[in-house]
N, C-alpha and C. Protein backbone atom coordinates (compact mmCIF):
# COMPACT_ATOMS: atom_id res chain seq x y z
N MET A 1 -86.19 -120.26 118.29
CA MET A 1 -86.94 -120.58 117.09
C MET A 1 -88.04 -121.50 117.36
N ARG A 2 -88.53 -121.90 116.49
CA ARG A 2 -90.14 -123.16 116.14
C ARG A 2 -89.56 -124.65 115.91
N ILE A 3 -89.87 -125.58 116.86
CA ILE A 3 -89.10 -126.58 116.02
C ILE A 3 -89.27 -127.17 114.45
N ASP A 4 -90.17 -126.74 113.71
CA ASP A 4 -90.47 -127.70 112.73
C ASP A 4 -89.37 -126.97 111.80
N LYS A 5 -89.00 -125.48 111.92
CA LYS A 5 -88.04 -124.27 111.40
C LYS A 5 -86.65 -125.17 111.53
N PHE A 6 -86.35 -125.66 113.13
CA PHE A 6 -84.88 -125.97 113.47
C PHE A 6 -84.85 -127.66 112.80
N LEU A 7 -85.68 -128.37 112.83
CA LEU A 7 -85.60 -129.92 112.10
C LEU A 7 -85.32 -129.64 110.64
N LYS A 8 -85.73 -128.28 110.17
CA LYS A 8 -85.46 -128.07 108.17
C LYS A 8 -83.66 -128.14 108.57
N VAL A 9 -83.76 -127.10 109.36
CA VAL A 9 -82.14 -126.10 109.15
C VAL A 9 -81.04 -126.99 109.34
N SER A 10 -81.48 -127.70 111.18
CA SER A 10 -80.66 -128.82 110.88
C SER A 10 -80.07 -130.15 110.36
N ARG A 11 -81.36 -130.25 108.98
CA ARG A 11 -81.24 -130.94 108.45
C ARG A 11 -81.45 -132.61 108.40
N ILE A 12 -82.12 -132.86 110.43
CA ILE A 12 -82.71 -134.29 110.30
C ILE A 12 -83.92 -134.52 109.95
N ILE A 13 -85.17 -132.96 108.96
CA ILE A 13 -86.17 -133.33 107.90
C ILE A 13 -86.02 -132.49 107.09
N LYS A 14 -85.53 -133.02 106.09
CA LYS A 14 -85.16 -131.93 104.49
C LYS A 14 -86.22 -131.10 104.49
N ARG A 15 -87.34 -131.40 104.86
CA ARG A 15 -88.57 -130.28 104.56
C ARG A 15 -89.15 -129.66 105.07
N ARG A 16 -89.78 -128.46 105.37
CA ARG A 16 -90.07 -127.07 106.94
C ARG A 16 -91.87 -128.46 106.45
N THR A 17 -92.01 -128.54 105.73
CA THR A 17 -93.54 -128.94 105.19
C THR A 17 -93.90 -130.63 106.09
N VAL A 18 -92.36 -131.15 105.65
CA VAL A 18 -92.86 -132.91 106.04
C VAL A 18 -92.83 -132.66 107.73
N ALA A 19 -91.90 -132.16 108.27
CA ALA A 19 -91.06 -131.41 109.77
C ALA A 19 -92.62 -130.92 110.40
N ASN A 20 -93.33 -130.16 109.64
CA ASN A 20 -94.56 -129.69 110.05
C ASN A 20 -95.70 -130.92 110.30
N GLU A 21 -95.72 -131.68 109.17
CA GLU A 21 -96.78 -132.54 109.47
C GLU A 21 -96.43 -133.33 110.40
N VAL A 22 -94.90 -133.87 110.60
CA VAL A 22 -94.53 -134.86 111.63
C VAL A 22 -95.04 -134.53 113.67
N CYS A 23 -94.76 -133.15 113.22
CA CYS A 23 -95.27 -132.50 114.94
C CYS A 23 -96.23 -132.80 115.18
N ALA A 24 -97.23 -131.90 114.15
CA ALA A 24 -98.85 -131.68 113.86
C ALA A 24 -99.36 -133.60 114.30
N ALA A 25 -98.23 -134.64 113.93
CA ALA A 25 -98.85 -135.98 113.97
C ALA A 25 -98.65 -136.48 115.85
N GLY A 26 -98.34 -135.38 116.00
CA GLY A 26 -97.96 -136.14 117.72
C GLY A 26 -96.76 -136.81 117.82
N ARG A 27 -95.88 -136.94 116.72
CA ARG A 27 -94.70 -138.15 117.12
C ARG A 27 -93.17 -137.14 117.32
N VAL A 28 -93.10 -135.46 117.59
CA VAL A 28 -92.43 -134.92 118.13
C VAL A 28 -92.79 -134.66 119.71
N SER A 29 -91.56 -134.90 120.98
CA SER A 29 -91.82 -134.48 122.23
C SER A 29 -90.60 -133.71 122.21
N VAL A 30 -90.38 -132.71 123.06
CA VAL A 30 -89.48 -131.74 123.49
C VAL A 30 -89.66 -131.98 124.52
N ASN A 31 -88.84 -131.77 125.53
CA ASN A 31 -87.99 -131.92 126.78
C ASN A 31 -89.52 -132.86 127.77
N GLY A 32 -90.02 -134.37 127.17
CA GLY A 32 -90.93 -134.97 127.41
C GLY A 32 -92.75 -134.73 127.02
N ARG A 33 -93.22 -133.52 126.44
CA ARG A 33 -93.89 -133.19 126.06
C ARG A 33 -94.44 -132.93 124.78
N PRO A 34 -95.35 -133.41 124.58
CA PRO A 34 -95.87 -132.98 123.12
C PRO A 34 -95.65 -131.64 122.21
N ALA A 35 -94.83 -131.71 121.22
CA ALA A 35 -94.47 -130.44 120.88
C ALA A 35 -95.46 -130.28 119.38
N LYS A 36 -95.75 -129.31 119.34
CA LYS A 36 -96.40 -128.47 117.64
C LYS A 36 -95.45 -128.22 117.00
N PRO A 37 -95.77 -127.94 115.93
CA PRO A 37 -95.09 -127.35 115.10
C PRO A 37 -94.40 -126.00 115.56
N SER A 38 -94.85 -125.06 116.36
CA SER A 38 -95.15 -123.61 116.29
C SER A 38 -93.87 -123.75 117.70
N ALA A 39 -94.10 -124.76 118.91
CA ALA A 39 -93.07 -124.56 119.95
C ALA A 39 -91.96 -124.53 119.70
N GLU A 40 -91.32 -123.89 120.72
CA GLU A 40 -90.16 -122.85 120.86
C GLU A 40 -89.10 -124.15 121.36
N ILE A 41 -87.99 -123.69 120.64
CA ILE A 41 -87.08 -124.92 121.09
C ILE A 41 -85.41 -123.77 121.99
N ALA A 42 -84.74 -123.83 122.50
CA ALA A 42 -83.19 -123.43 122.90
C ALA A 42 -82.41 -124.31 122.90
N GLU A 43 -81.15 -123.90 123.10
CA GLU A 43 -79.81 -125.42 123.45
C GLU A 43 -80.22 -125.58 124.80
N GLY A 44 -79.86 -127.17 124.36
CA GLY A 44 -80.11 -127.91 126.06
C GLY A 44 -81.11 -128.29 125.76
N ASP A 45 -82.29 -128.28 124.98
CA ASP A 45 -83.35 -129.04 125.10
C ASP A 45 -83.36 -130.36 124.21
N ARG A 46 -84.42 -131.37 124.71
CA ARG A 46 -83.83 -132.71 124.51
C ARG A 46 -85.27 -132.91 123.50
N ILE A 47 -85.39 -133.13 122.22
CA ILE A 47 -86.07 -133.85 121.07
C ILE A 47 -86.29 -134.86 120.60
N ASP A 48 -87.10 -135.58 120.99
CA ASP A 48 -87.40 -137.31 120.59
C ASP A 48 -88.73 -137.30 119.46
N ILE A 49 -87.82 -137.75 118.67
CA ILE A 49 -88.85 -138.42 117.07
C ILE A 49 -89.30 -139.43 116.79
N ALA A 50 -90.35 -139.75 116.68
CA ALA A 50 -91.20 -140.95 116.32
C ALA A 50 -90.19 -141.56 114.84
N PHE A 51 -89.86 -142.03 114.39
CA PHE A 51 -89.52 -142.41 113.30
C PHE A 51 -89.94 -143.92 113.22
N GLY A 52 -91.04 -144.46 112.17
CA GLY A 52 -90.95 -145.82 111.67
C GLY A 52 -91.08 -147.22 113.11
N ASN A 53 -90.60 -147.76 113.69
CA ASN A 53 -90.88 -148.50 114.62
C ASN A 53 -90.06 -147.75 115.80
N GLY A 54 -89.02 -147.15 115.65
CA GLY A 54 -88.13 -146.17 117.10
C GLY A 54 -87.96 -144.71 117.22
N THR A 55 -87.35 -144.36 118.29
CA THR A 55 -87.57 -143.45 118.61
C THR A 55 -85.70 -142.78 118.42
N THR A 56 -85.79 -141.69 117.87
CA THR A 56 -84.68 -141.29 118.10
C THR A 56 -84.75 -140.30 118.77
N SER A 57 -83.66 -139.91 119.84
CA SER A 57 -83.12 -139.05 121.21
C SER A 57 -82.17 -137.68 120.53
N ILE A 58 -82.29 -136.44 120.42
CA ILE A 58 -81.33 -135.88 119.80
C ILE A 58 -81.11 -134.69 121.19
N ARG A 59 -79.74 -134.05 121.29
CA ARG A 59 -80.05 -133.09 122.23
C ARG A 59 -79.43 -131.70 121.45
N VAL A 60 -79.96 -130.22 121.63
CA VAL A 60 -80.01 -129.37 120.61
C VAL A 60 -78.91 -128.32 121.37
N LEU A 61 -77.69 -128.76 120.44
CA LEU A 61 -76.57 -128.12 120.83
C LEU A 61 -76.52 -126.37 120.28
N SER A 62 -77.26 -126.00 119.23
CA SER A 62 -76.94 -124.78 119.24
C SER A 62 -78.41 -124.08 118.19
N VAL A 63 -78.56 -123.00 118.16
CA VAL A 63 -79.66 -122.16 117.77
C VAL A 63 -79.27 -121.76 116.65
N LYS A 64 -79.57 -121.74 115.14
CA LYS A 64 -79.03 -121.15 114.16
C LYS A 64 -79.83 -120.92 113.01
N ASP A 65 -80.76 -119.46 112.87
CA ASP A 65 -81.22 -119.77 111.70
C ASP A 65 -80.58 -120.00 110.29
N THR A 66 -79.54 -119.95 109.59
CA THR A 66 -79.48 -120.42 108.52
C THR A 66 -77.72 -121.18 109.02
N VAL A 67 -77.50 -121.74 108.42
CA VAL A 67 -76.29 -123.09 108.43
C VAL A 67 -76.08 -123.83 107.25
N ARG A 68 -74.40 -123.95 106.80
CA ARG A 68 -73.86 -124.86 105.40
C ARG A 68 -74.14 -126.06 106.24
N LYS A 69 -74.64 -126.61 105.05
CA LYS A 69 -74.56 -127.97 105.05
C LYS A 69 -73.99 -128.98 105.77
N GLU A 70 -72.68 -128.88 105.49
CA GLU A 70 -71.23 -129.23 106.49
C GLU A 70 -71.62 -128.99 107.95
N ASP A 71 -72.26 -127.74 108.12
CA ASP A 71 -71.79 -127.88 109.84
C ASP A 71 -73.14 -127.89 109.96
N ALA A 72 -74.49 -128.17 110.19
CA ALA A 72 -75.72 -128.45 110.01
C ALA A 72 -75.97 -129.69 111.14
N GLN A 73 -74.94 -130.30 111.08
CA GLN A 73 -74.91 -131.85 112.28
C GLN A 73 -74.32 -131.55 113.71
N ASP A 74 -73.41 -130.15 113.46
CA ASP A 74 -72.94 -129.55 114.73
C ASP A 74 -74.30 -128.41 115.74
N MET A 75 -75.10 -129.03 115.17
CA MET A 75 -76.43 -128.41 116.08
C MET A 75 -76.77 -129.02 117.01
N TYR A 76 -76.78 -129.99 116.91
CA TYR A 76 -77.02 -131.31 117.81
C TYR A 76 -76.78 -132.75 117.91
N GLU A 77 -76.67 -133.22 118.85
CA GLU A 77 -75.97 -134.30 119.10
C GLU A 77 -77.28 -135.44 119.57
N ILE A 78 -76.72 -136.83 118.99
CA ILE A 78 -77.64 -138.05 119.03
C ILE A 78 -77.91 -138.52 120.23
N LEU A 79 -78.59 -138.62 121.02
CA LEU A 79 -78.56 -139.46 122.64
C LEU A 79 -78.25 -141.04 122.48
N PRO A 80 -77.89 -141.64 123.05
CA PRO A 80 -77.94 -143.52 123.29
C PRO A 80 -79.35 -143.52 123.52
N ARG A 81 -79.60 -144.82 122.76
CA ARG A 81 -80.92 -144.88 122.75
C ARG A 81 -81.08 -145.42 124.52
N ASP A 82 -80.54 -146.24 125.51
CA ASP A 82 -80.75 -146.45 126.72
C ASP A 82 -80.39 -145.18 127.48
N SER A 83 -79.85 -144.09 127.06
CA SER A 83 -79.25 -143.43 128.22
C SER A 83 -80.09 -143.16 129.30
N GLY A 84 -81.46 -143.45 129.55
CA GLY A 84 -82.17 -143.11 130.62
C GLY A 84 -82.07 -141.80 131.20
N GLU A 85 -81.87 -141.06 130.54
CA GLU A 85 -81.75 -139.34 130.58
C GLU A 85 -83.03 -139.26 130.88
N ARG A 86 -83.48 -138.18 131.87
CA ARG A 86 -84.27 -137.68 132.19
C ARG A 86 -84.64 -135.89 132.71
N ILE A 87 -85.23 -135.47 132.25
CA ILE A 87 -85.19 -134.07 132.43
C ILE A 87 -86.81 -133.52 132.76
């Protein structure tokens, strides 16, 4: 699945066009590499998103084309800020 679509479906970012712009601006990385909006993601990938002055890191738990609002949070887990985890 494309990263921009994943960010929208998982409701991390509410609109796909905004997710596309964030990726194009270089504020998203997948497994430590800058990600274009068309970058493919899979389960287990780590996504880092620069929001404002901080960065949010998440681990992809599942990839689904559609999901109910209540189940969207089950698609990822937020990683602790100082996890020091490297991939």
